[in-house]
Protein backbone atom coordinates (compact mmCIF):
# COMPACT_ATOMS: atom_id res chain seq x y z
CA MET A 1 -16.54 -16.75 -27.42
CA ARG A 2 -15.17 -13.92 -29.28
CA PRO A 3 -13.19 -14.46 -32.61
CA THR A 4 -9.65 -14.19 -32.70
CA ARG A 5 -6.95 -13.70 -34.98
CA GLY A 6 -3.52 -15.88 -35.28
CA LEU A 7 -0.97 -15.69 -32.42
CA THR A 8 1.75 -14.64 -34.63
CA ALA A 9 -0.34 -10.99 -36.04
CA ARG A 10 -1.48 -10.76 -32.06
CA ALA A 11 2.32 -11.65 -31.01
CA ALA A 12 3.58 -9.40 -33.20
CA LEU A 13 1.65 -6.31 -31.99
CA TRP A 14 2.37 -7.08 -28.44
CA PHE A 15 5.66 -7.30 -28.89
CA ARG A 16 6.34 -4.17 -31.53
CA ALA A 17 3.28 -1.88 -30.30
CA ALA A 18 3.59 -0.02 -26.90
CA PHE A 19 2.00 -2.40 -24.55
CA LEU A 20 0.41 -0.89 -21.29
CA VAL A 21 2.96 -0.90 -18.45
CA SER A 22 2.17 -3.52 -15.83
CA LEU A 23 1.70 -1.18 -13.07
CA PRO A 24 -0.35 -1.86 -9.96
CA VAL A 25 -3.31 0.64 -9.78
CA SER A 26 -1.55 3.41 -7.50
CA ALA A 27 -3.31 6.12 -5.16
CA ALA A 28 -2.04 8.54 -8.16
CA SER A 29 -3.46 7.67 -10.70
CA ALA A 30 -6.86 6.84 -8.97
CA ARG A 31 -6.80 10.21 -8.67
CA GLU A 32 -6.68 11.17 -12.42
CA PRO A 33 -9.95 11.46 -14.84
CA VAL A 34 -11.76 8.40 -14.73
CA ILE A 35 -10.88 7.20 -18.63
CA PRO A 36 -14.38 6.55 -20.96
CA ARG A 37 -14.29 2.63 -21.20
CA ALA A 38 -13.64 2.86 -24.73
CA GLU A 39 -10.59 4.12 -24.10
CA LEU A 40 -9.37 2.29 -21.52
CA PRO A 41 -5.82 0.63 -22.15
CA GLY A 42 -6.55 -3.41 -22.45
CA ILE A 43 -9.71 -3.18 -23.14
CA GLY A 44 -10.92 -1.88 -27.28
CA SER A 45 -14.33 -0.49 -27.99
CA VAL A 46 -15.84 -3.47 -26.57
CA ASP A 47 -15.90 -3.95 -23.11
CA PRO A 48 -16.30 -7.51 -22.40
CA ARG A 49 -16.00 -8.02 -18.58
CA ARG A 50 -18.59 -8.18 -16.31
CA PRO A 51 -18.86 -8.46 -11.97
CA VAL A 52 -18.65 -11.78 -11.06
CA ASP A 53 -19.50 -13.26 -7.33
CA SER A 54 -16.40 -12.55 -5.07
CA ALA A 55 -17.90 -15.63 -2.80
CA SER A 56 -18.14 -18.01 -5.46
CA MET A 57 -15.77 -20.41 -7.10
CA PRO A 58 -13.02 -19.69 -8.35
CA TRP A 59 -13.37 -16.25 -7.29
CA SER A 60 -13.39 -17.05 -4.17
CA ALA A 61 -9.77 -17.20 -3.63
CA LEU A 62 -8.93 -13.99 -5.44
CA GLY A 63 -8.26 -11.28 -3.54
CA ARG A 64 -6.70 -7.50 -3.46
CA VAL A 65 -3.43 -7.36 -2.82
CA GLN A 66 -2.95 -3.90 -1.66
CA THR A 67 1.05 -1.80 -0.46
CA GLU A 68 0.97 0.99 2.21
CA LEU A 69 2.27 3.05 -0.64
CA GLY A 70 -0.99 2.78 -2.16
CA GLY A 71 -0.38 -0.06 -5.17
CA ARG A 72 -3.34 -1.94 -5.21
CA CYS A 73 -2.88 -5.29 -8.18
CA THR A 74 -4.63 -8.99 -7.05
CA GLY A 75 -4.09 -12.29 -5.84
CA THR A 76 -4.99 -15.82 -6.05
CA LEU A 77 -4.55 -18.47 -2.85
CA ILE A 78 -2.88 -21.04 -4.03
CA ALA A 79 -2.37 -22.44 -0.69
CA PRO A 80 -3.76 -21.39 2.68
CA ARG A 81 -0.97 -19.03 3.47
CA THR A 82 0.27 -18.70 0.45
CA VAL A 83 -0.84 -16.03 -2.38
CA LEU A 84 0.32 -15.75 -5.55
CA THR A 85 0.94 -12.22 -7.64
CA ALA A 86 2.57 -10.70 -9.92
CA ALA A 87 6.05 -9.03 -8.66
CA HIS A 88 5.93 -5.41 -10.81
CA CYS A 89 3.13 -5.51 -7.42
CA LEU A 90 5.68 -5.86 -5.29
CA VAL A 91 8.06 -2.79 -6.51
CA SER A 92 7.76 0.50 -4.70
CA PRO A 93 6.69 3.39 -6.84
CA ARG A 94 9.31 5.91 -4.75
CA SER A 95 12.39 4.37 -5.04
CA GLY A 96 12.23 1.36 -6.85
CA GLY A 97 13.41 -1.32 -5.36
CA TRP A 98 11.29 -4.25 -3.04
CA VAL A 99 8.76 -2.88 -0.89
CA ARG A 100 8.43 -4.26 3.16
CA PRO A 101 6.91 -7.50 3.00
CA ALA A 102 5.16 -5.98 6.22
CA SER A 103 3.42 -3.52 3.89
CA VAL A 104 1.77 -6.30 1.42
CA HIS A 105 -1.91 -6.41 2.56
CA PHE A 106 -4.20 -9.00 0.89
CA LEU A 107 -7.45 -9.03 1.22
CA LEU A 108 -9.58 -11.83 0.29
CA GLY A 109 -12.80 -12.13 -1.55
CA TYR A 110 -12.81 -8.02 -1.77
CA ARG A 111 -15.80 -5.61 -2.41
CA GLN A 112 -16.42 -2.44 -1.60
CA GLY A 113 -14.55 -1.88 1.40
CA ALA A 114 -15.10 -5.29 3.16
CA TRP A 115 -13.09 -8.69 2.39
CA THR A 116 -14.50 -12.45 3.94
CA GLY A 117 -10.44 -12.26 4.94
CA MET A 118 -7.35 -10.28 5.68
CA ALA A 119 -3.84 -10.75 5.96
CA ARG A 120 -0.16 -9.30 6.52
CA ALA A 121 2.41 -10.85 4.36
CA VAL A 122 4.99 -11.95 6.37
CA SER A 123 8.08 -12.66 3.08
CA PHE A 124 8.00 -13.47 -0.52
CA VAL A 125 10.55 -14.10 -2.79
CA SER A 126 9.91 -12.99 -6.74
CA GLY A 127 10.85 -15.21 -10.02
CA PRO A 128 14.76 -15.70 -10.57
CA GLY A 129 16.61 -13.56 -12.14
CA PHE A 130 13.38 -10.53 -11.46
CA ASP A 131 14.80 -7.12 -11.55
CA ALA A 132 13.45 -4.87 -9.90
CA GLY A 133 14.92 -1.62 -10.66
CA SER A 134 13.35 -2.84 -14.76
CA ARG A 135 10.38 -4.73 -13.47
CA SER A 136 12.06 -7.35 -15.90
CA PRO A 137 12.09 -9.81 -17.05
CA ALA A 138 8.29 -10.48 -17.86
CA SER A 139 8.97 -14.58 -17.62
CA ALA A 140 10.14 -13.94 -14.29
CA ASP A 141 7.32 -11.00 -12.90
CA TRP A 142 5.17 -13.69 -10.25
CA ALA A 143 6.08 -13.96 -6.34
CA LEU A 144 4.84 -15.79 -3.99
CA LEU A 145 3.59 -14.32 -0.44
CA THR A 146 3.67 -15.96 2.71
CA LEU A 147 0.48 -14.58 4.47
CA ASP A 148 0.64 -14.37 8.57
CA VAL A 149 -2.34 -16.28 8.54
CA ALA A 150 -4.77 -17.90 6.51
CA PRO A 151 -7.42 -15.57 5.25
CA GLY A 152 -11.35 -16.35 6.11
CA HIS A 153 -12.11 -19.90 4.19
CA GLY A 154 -11.58 -19.42 0.80
CA ALA A 155 -10.52 -22.42 -1.27
CA PRO A 156 -7.27 -22.35 -2.95
CA LEU A 157 -6.66 -23.30 -6.66
CA PRO A 158 -4.25 -25.43 -7.76
CA LEU A 159 -1.30 -24.43 -10.26
CA LEU A 160 -2.38 -26.17 -14.23
CA ARG A 161 0.65 -28.62 -14.63
CA ASP A 162 0.43 -28.18 -18.76
CA ILE A 163 0.39 -25.50 -20.84
CA PRO A 164 -2.91 -24.68 -22.42
CA ALA A 165 -3.09 -25.23 -25.70
CA ALA A 166 -4.22 -21.98 -28.58
CA GLY A 167 -8.10 -21.88 -27.59
CA THR A 168 -8.76 -23.42 -24.82
CA PRO A 169 -11.03 -21.25 -22.94
CA VAL A 170 -10.00 -18.88 -20.37
CA LEU A 171 -11.10 -16.79 -17.99
CA LEU A 172 -9.67 -13.34 -16.00
CA GLY A 173 -10.56 -11.07 -13.41
CA GLY A 174 -9.14 -8.53 -10.91
CA TYR A 175 -9.14 -5.52 -9.15
CA GLN A 176 -9.14 -3.49 -12.12
CA GLN A 177 -8.21 0.72 -12.90
CA ASP A 178 -11.64 1.84 -13.26
CA ARG A 179 -13.87 -0.50 -11.08
CA PRO A 180 -11.31 -1.07 -8.29
CA GLU A 181 -14.05 -2.08 -5.41
CA VAL A 182 -15.25 -4.63 -7.44
CA LEU A 183 -13.88 -8.02 -9.44
CA MET A 184 -14.42 -7.72 -12.57
CA ALA A 185 -13.99 -10.27 -15.15
CA ASP A 186 -13.75 -11.65 -18.69
CA THR A 187 -15.35 -15.00 -18.82
CA GLY A 188 -15.38 -15.84 -22.91
CA CYS A 189 -11.95 -15.33 -24.11
CA GLN A 190 -8.89 -17.96 -24.87
CA VAL A 191 -5.86 -19.02 -25.22
CA LEU A 192 -4.09 -17.63 -28.23
CA GLY A 193 -0.67 -19.32 -28.11
CA LEU A 194 2.69 -19.24 -26.93
CA TRP A 195 5.49 -16.96 -27.24
CA ARG A 196 9.10 -18.70 -26.66
CA ARG A 197 12.23 -16.77 -27.14
CA GLU A 198 15.48 -18.19 -25.13
CA ARG A 199 14.83 -18.99 -21.70
CA THR A 200 11.33 -16.95 -22.02
CA THR A 201 7.87 -18.37 -22.32
CA LEU A 202 4.99 -16.41 -21.67
CA LEU A 203 1.09 -17.08 -22.84
CA VAL A 204 -0.83 -14.58 -24.94
CA HIS A 205 -4.35 -14.56 -24.27
CA GLY A 206 -7.12 -12.89 -25.67
CA CYS A 207 -8.98 -11.97 -22.40
CA ALA A 208 -10.00 -7.66 -21.43
CA GLY A 209 -7.84 -6.32 -18.19
CA THR A 210 -6.29 -2.83 -17.19
CA ARG A 211 -4.37 -1.69 -14.94
CA GLY A 212 -5.22 -3.64 -11.38
CA ALA A 213 -5.80 -7.27 -13.18
CA SER A 214 -1.83 -7.64 -12.83
CA GLY A 215 -1.44 -10.14 -10.78
CA ALA A 216 -4.45 -11.57 -11.14
CA PRO A 217 -5.32 -15.31 -12.21
CA LEU A 218 -5.71 -16.74 -15.94
CA LEU A 219 -7.80 -19.45 -15.05
CA VAL A 220 -9.13 -22.67 -16.98
CA GLY A 221 -11.67 -25.30 -15.78
CA GLN A 222 -10.74 -29.27 -15.42
CA ARG A 223 -11.79 -32.26 -16.95
CA GLY A 224 -13.13 -33.38 -13.79
CA GLY A 225 -14.77 -30.41 -12.48
CA GLY A 226 -12.87 -27.01 -10.61
CA TRP A 227 -10.34 -24.83 -11.97
CA ALA A 228 -6.84 -23.91 -12.08
CA VAL A 229 -4.47 -21.46 -12.32
CA ALA A 230 -3.28 -21.81 -16.00
CA GLY A 231 -1.18 -18.41 -15.32
CA VAL A 232 -0.51 -15.11 -14.15
CA ALA A 233 -1.06 -11.72 -15.96
CA VAL A 234 1.64 -9.74 -16.22
CA ALA A 235 0.97 -7.24 -19.13
CA VAL A 236 -1.98 -5.73 -21.67
CA THR A 237 -1.84 -4.79 -25.10
CA ARG A 238 -2.77 -0.86 -25.21
CA GLY A 239 -6.60 -0.84 -26.97
CA GLN A 240 -7.91 -4.21 -27.06
CA ALA A 241 -8.61 -7.50 -25.23
CA GLN A 242 -4.96 -9.09 -24.77
CA GLY A 243 -2.35 -9.78 -22.65
CA VAL A 244 0.40 -12.13 -21.89
CA ALA A 245 0.97 -14.28 -18.54
CA VAL A 246 3.59 -16.54 -17.09
CA PRO A 247 2.79 -20.07 -17.27
CA ALA A 248 2.04 -21.81 -14.01
CA ALA A 249 3.51 -25.33 -15.45
CA VAL A 250 7.21 -22.79 -16.07
CA LEU A 251 6.14 -21.88 -12.42
CA ARG A 252 5.72 -25.01 -10.90
CA GLN A 253 8.90 -26.42 -12.56
CA VAL A 254 10.61 -23.24 -11.08
CA LEU A 255 9.27 -24.34 -7.69
CA GLU A 256 9.58 -28.08 -7.92
CA GLU A 257 13.45 -27.86 -8.91
């Protein structure tokens, strides 16, 4: 596990400094010159990410969320026909409004143009109070897609009931800016702590990730075996392996109200 600094210093960096605007990878950005890995926002000078097997758990529950306007993010099956992703992934880069649900596709187990299952959204809901125009607040930057069919045989992952403590080992994998055709993951990172302000609660983590990892699950191992979603990634810091996620426990609370 990589050494980390205290939450106060890292959280201050995220909220004070220029963080990566958490946008999905678009067709336009895909045409831009390839950024050297050492210079990728959200990565830093050392890149800990590695390709992972999209056919094995927990990765087999992940897929690429893409719109017909060219946006690409990551999503997770949390029920046979329900996908968790970031709300800003469903905002049109042209109009600044919501995309049509039918224009959103979920490709389960995507890898280099192939996938284990495919489905189209029939509807979606975002976190309460999320504004598509400003793509905020970050604490409401989550969305649930309802699919027309259950895609393939991916086993859904549960949402963690509790907020993990600082130091908890986590994993973060997604379809990222520099390697959108394969699932890339940082498997040696940890929770750094919480950032709270008024009604906002965000998990701060030390995982590496770029554009395209938005909507990806922050995964934690469970005591009895298996994996659970501890949060949904919404933004990363420029120039270092660090980001924020909406805690799954907060999402569960909203859904159960």
